[in-house]
Each structure stands twice: as C-alpha cells, then as structure tokens.
Amino acid sequence: MDLFVRESGATGAPAVVFLHGGQLSGWSLTPVIERLPVYHCLVPDLPQYGRSSGQGPFDIEKAAHAVARVIRARAPSGRVHLVGYSLGAQVGVQLLAAEPELVNRAVLCGPIVNTLPAVRLTQRVLGLFARNSWPAWTAKRGRDARRAGIPVAHIEDYRADTRAIGSTELAGIVRASVGFTVPEGLERVAAPTLIITGANEIPLARHWAAAVAGPLPNAVRRIATGMDHDWPLHQPELFARTVDGWLSEGTLPAEIA
C-alpha cells in the first residue's frame, strides 16, 4: 500500500519531496508549498499519519523505503530534492543513507539523533511518558487549534490528525524517533545537504546536527537566528526562501546564519 501524497506544481519542474514533522501530517507544510510554485512538490503523509494512518506501526527505516517508492513512482527523472523537518528530517537522513542515488540536494531541519549510550532505556522511558500524557494533551490541542495558529482552512485537518493517533500509536512513534541513531552509509551521499538548527532549540540540537553532518561529505550546517524547533511551521515564508535558496544554489536568507 502506497503513502498518500499531496502533489502540486508542473511535473516538468524540479521535483521536491517534503517530509513533515512528528506532530502533524503533510497538510501542515501547505503554507511552505504555496510559496514554492516553481517546483513540482510531493508531500507524503508518513506512515501512521493523516491519510496514511493505516500504514503502521511507524518505523523510520520502513518510512524511508515508502518515500523511496513515492520518488520512483512520482518523479519523472527518478531523482528529487529532499526537504525534511524534525521527524521528517530523521526519515530523510535514513533515505539518504539507504538510497543516496535518489536525491540531488537536501535540506534537513531539526534532525534528532540519539547519541546516548542507553538508547533502549531512553526509548522505554519516553515512550511510557508519551503514552501517559497523550490523552490530556490531545484534549488541550483540540480546544486550542486557533490559539496554536492553525489556519481556519486546516482546523479540521489538525483535529483529524489529533484523533488519528492514540496514546499507543504515539508511544510507538516516540520510541522510533528517540531510538534513531546515525545510520551507516552517509559517507556515500554525494548530495549537498543543508542542516539547520533553530538558535532557540535546546543545546543538544546542535550536537545532533553535528552528528548527522559529520559523515556527510557535502554537508553545510547553519543556524536559524531567533527560531525554535517548530519554526518551519510558524515562519513558512522564511522556510520557503531557505529551501529555494539552497535547492536553486542561490543565496540563503540573512536569518540563516
């Protein structure tokens, strides 16, 4: 079963696959996509999210293989640019390691990798925390959609995403995410890769970015000035300019320091 994919732009334009973060499915990147009309944009809902919710349980390696199938089926040249944010950046890193020949250039925003010695313990603890805290947080999210800055046109999408992932599913996603370590094979990646960390993220975020960049031959690290982890959602115009600047081999915005 294939992932659900939102598609926009001319099929003859450069193809870009966008991978969403861990809180919301692919619709959340619509404000970014709308600002990039010169590209052929492909935005899959990752497994267990949105309209791909039946394709669980979530696993980063399986998600990367599913995205690779999307690329082979939807990109006329069989190659794409790749943009991943948060959980989507983790899937993007895995895709680069497993099938580097599919990617021309890449943007990875806020990648998270586990560099601790007790990976399985971290998975268990945070998975349990997610399972126990999810019901109360879900109720709050449903009430606060407008306050969270969700556009009116997407409030129902927001609430549907919230309903689609229960505490058990969330615990599995959290375990997969916090258990993600730097995969083997990144040294074979030729694609120029921009790795961005928000300046206001937790200090560990820069360490994670460095761990991903280390084995990549053509990685460039940058800091998004004044931004937190969720800045691609809150600042879609800046994120779109950043993506376009990197993919077109042009100039990055001044805020990307």
Foldseek 3Di string as FASTA:
>chain_A
DAFDKDWAEDLVAAEEEEEEADQAFQVLLVLLVVLCRRYTYIYTGFQCFDPNVVRDLDALLVRLVSVLVVLCVRRPVQAHAYEYAHSRLLSVLNNCQPPLVRYAAYEREQADAAPDPCQQVVLVVVLVVQLVCLVVVLVVCLVCVVVVVPDPVCSVSSNVRSVSAHSNSVSSSSSNRSSHHRDPRQLVHPHQYEYEYEPPEPPCSVVRSCRSVVSHPRYDYWYQYPDYRPVCSVPSVLVSQQVCCRVVVHDHDPRGD
